[in-house]
Protein backbone atom coordinates (compact mmCIF):
# COMPACT_ATOMS: atom_id res chain seq x y z
CA MET A 1 6.38 19.34 5.84
CA SER A 2 8.16 21.39 8.45
CA SER A 3 11.27 21.58 6.25
CA LEU A 4 9.48 23.28 3.33
CA THR A 5 10.77 26.78 2.67
CA PHE A 6 8.51 27.96 -0.15
CA LEU A 7 5.05 28.06 1.52
CA ASN A 8 3.14 31.33 1.26
CA HIS A 9 -0.37 30.07 1.95
CA LEU A 10 -1.58 26.84 3.50
CA LYS A 11 -5.08 26.14 4.71
CA LEU A 12 -5.58 23.03 6.83
CA SER A 13 -8.92 24.04 8.37
CA ASN A 14 -11.56 21.42 9.25
CA ASN A 15 -9.49 18.32 8.44
CA ASN A 16 -9.78 16.59 11.86
CA LEU A 17 -6.03 16.87 12.43
CA THR A 18 -4.72 16.25 15.95
CA GLY A 19 -1.43 16.75 17.70
CA LYS A 20 1.34 19.30 17.87
CA ILE A 21 2.21 21.54 14.93
CA PRO A 22 5.84 20.83 13.91
CA LEU A 23 8.31 23.60 14.68
CA SER A 24 9.64 25.37 11.61
CA THR A 25 9.94 28.86 10.29
CA GLN A 26 7.25 28.36 7.65
CA LEU A 27 4.43 26.85 9.75
CA GLN A 28 4.82 29.38 12.56
CA SER A 29 4.52 32.27 10.07
CA LEU A 30 1.00 31.17 9.01
CA ASN A 31 -2.15 32.67 10.53
CA ALA A 32 -3.97 30.77 13.26
CA SER A 33 -7.06 30.79 11.00
CA SER A 34 -5.27 28.27 8.76
CA PHE A 35 -5.64 25.63 11.50
CA VAL A 36 -9.25 26.25 12.63
CA GLY A 37 -11.48 23.18 13.08
CA ASN A 38 -8.69 20.82 14.12
CA LYS A 39 -7.40 19.61 17.49
CA LEU A 40 -3.94 21.06 17.02
CA CYS A 41 -1.71 22.83 19.51
CA GLY A 42 1.50 24.80 19.55
CA PRO A 43 2.65 27.94 17.74
CA PRO A 44 1.12 29.83 15.90
CA LEU A 45 -1.96 28.80 17.91
CA THR A 46 -2.51 30.16 21.40
CA VAL A 47 -3.33 26.67 22.69
CA ASN A 48 -0.47 25.17 24.68
CA CYS A 49 0.04 21.43 24.15
CA THR A 50 0.53 20.63 27.82
CA THR A 51 -2.57 22.45 29.12
CA ASN A 52 -5.33 21.11 26.92
CA GLY A 53 -4.38 17.41 27.01
CA VAL A 54 -3.74 17.10 23.28
CA LYS A 55 -0.92 14.67 22.68
CA PRO A 56 1.20 14.52 19.52
CA TYR A 57 0.46 11.73 17.07
CA ASN A 58 2.43 8.61 17.91
CA GLU A 59 2.88 6.34 14.89
CA ASN A 60 3.60 3.23 17.00
CA ARG A 61 0.46 3.61 19.11
CA ARG A 62 -1.78 0.51 19.06
CA SER A 63 -5.40 0.29 20.02
CA LYS A 64 -6.62 -2.26 22.55
CA GLU A 65 -8.61 -4.31 20.02
CA THR A 66 -5.62 -4.99 17.74
CA SER A 67 -2.70 -6.83 19.22
CA GLY A 68 -0.54 -7.11 16.10
CA PRO A 69 -0.10 -6.05 12.53
CA LYS A 70 -3.19 -6.04 10.32
CA VAL A 71 -3.30 -8.88 7.77
CA ASP A 72 -4.58 -8.23 4.26
CA TRP A 73 -6.44 -11.48 3.60
CA PHE A 74 -6.82 -10.75 -0.12
CA TYR A 75 -3.08 -11.17 -0.69
CA VAL A 76 -2.86 -14.16 1.64
CA SER A 77 -5.65 -15.93 -0.28
CA MET A 78 -4.05 -14.99 -3.61
CA ALA A 79 -0.75 -16.59 -2.56
CA PHE A 80 -2.58 -19.68 -1.26
CA ASP A 81 -4.56 -20.02 -4.51
CA PHE A 82 -1.37 -19.76 -6.56
CA VAL A 83 0.32 -22.53 -4.58
CA VAL A 84 -2.73 -24.80 -4.81
CA GLY A 85 -3.16 -24.16 -8.54
CA PHE A 86 0.54 -24.67 -9.26
CA TRP A 87 0.73 -28.00 -7.43
CA SER A 88 -2.62 -29.14 -8.86
CA VAL A 89 -1.10 -28.97 -12.35
CA CYS A 90 2.57 -29.72 -11.72
CA GLY A 91 2.17 -32.28 -8.92
CA PRO A 92 0.55 -35.02 -11.02
CA LEU A 93 3.00 -34.35 -13.85
CA LEU A 94 5.94 -34.85 -11.50
CA LEU A 95 4.52 -38.01 -9.94
CA ASN A 96 3.12 -39.85 -12.97
CA LYS A 97 5.57 -40.43 -15.85
CA GLN A 98 2.88 -41.50 -18.33
CA TRP A 99 0.84 -38.32 -17.76
CA ARG A 100 3.99 -36.22 -18.12
CA ILE A 101 4.84 -37.80 -21.48
CA MET A 102 1.26 -37.39 -22.74
CA TYR A 103 1.13 -33.74 -21.58
CA PHE A 104 4.32 -32.74 -23.38
CA GLN A 105 3.29 -34.65 -26.51
CA PHE A 106 0.01 -32.71 -26.43
CA LEU A 107 1.91 -29.40 -26.14
CA ASP A 108 4.17 -30.35 -29.07
CA HIS A 109 1.14 -31.30 -31.17
CA MET A 110 -0.60 -27.98 -30.36
CA GLY A 111 2.59 -26.09 -31.22
CA TYR A 112 2.75 -27.71 -34.64
CA LYS A 113 -0.92 -26.90 -35.25
CA LEU A 114 -0.40 -23.26 -34.27
CA LYS A 115 2.62 -22.94 -36.55
CA GLY A 116 0.47 -24.04 -39.47
CA VAL A 117 -2.37 -21.62 -38.68
CA VAL A 118 -0.57 -18.50 -37.41
CA PRO A 119 1.80 -17.00 -39.97
CA PHE A 120 5.04 -15.94 -38.35
CA SER A 121 6.92 -13.37 -40.37
CA LEU A 122 9.70 -11.13 -39.21
CA PRO A 123 9.62 -7.45 -40.12
CA PRO A 124 12.15 -6.41 -42.79
C-alpha cells in the first residue's frame, strides 16, 4: 500500500488498526484525520512510535495459547473420509476375485441397459 502513487483520498478511521504507518510519499501526504480511531503511530500523526509503546504488527508473532499452526479440521476430515470411502469400495474388489468379476459384469450389464434407453446421437 505504501508503493501506491495515485491516492488522493483515503479514510482509515475507526478500523482498529495498530502499528506504524508505512513510510511513503502518499501516506504521509494524507491528513491526520484519516487515521483517527486507530492505534497507529508515525507520520503524518504526531504520535511517535517509540514513546507511546505501540509496536508495529509482526506477522510471525504467536500467542501463548497456540504453539503451532492452526489446523482446519474440516479439510482433514474430508481427506480422511475420502481415503476410508475409497478403500471401502476398492479394497474388497482388490482382495476378492469373485466379487471383482461380479462387479465388472454388473457395470457392463448396466452400460448395455443405458445404451438401449439413452439415445446417443452426435451433432451434425
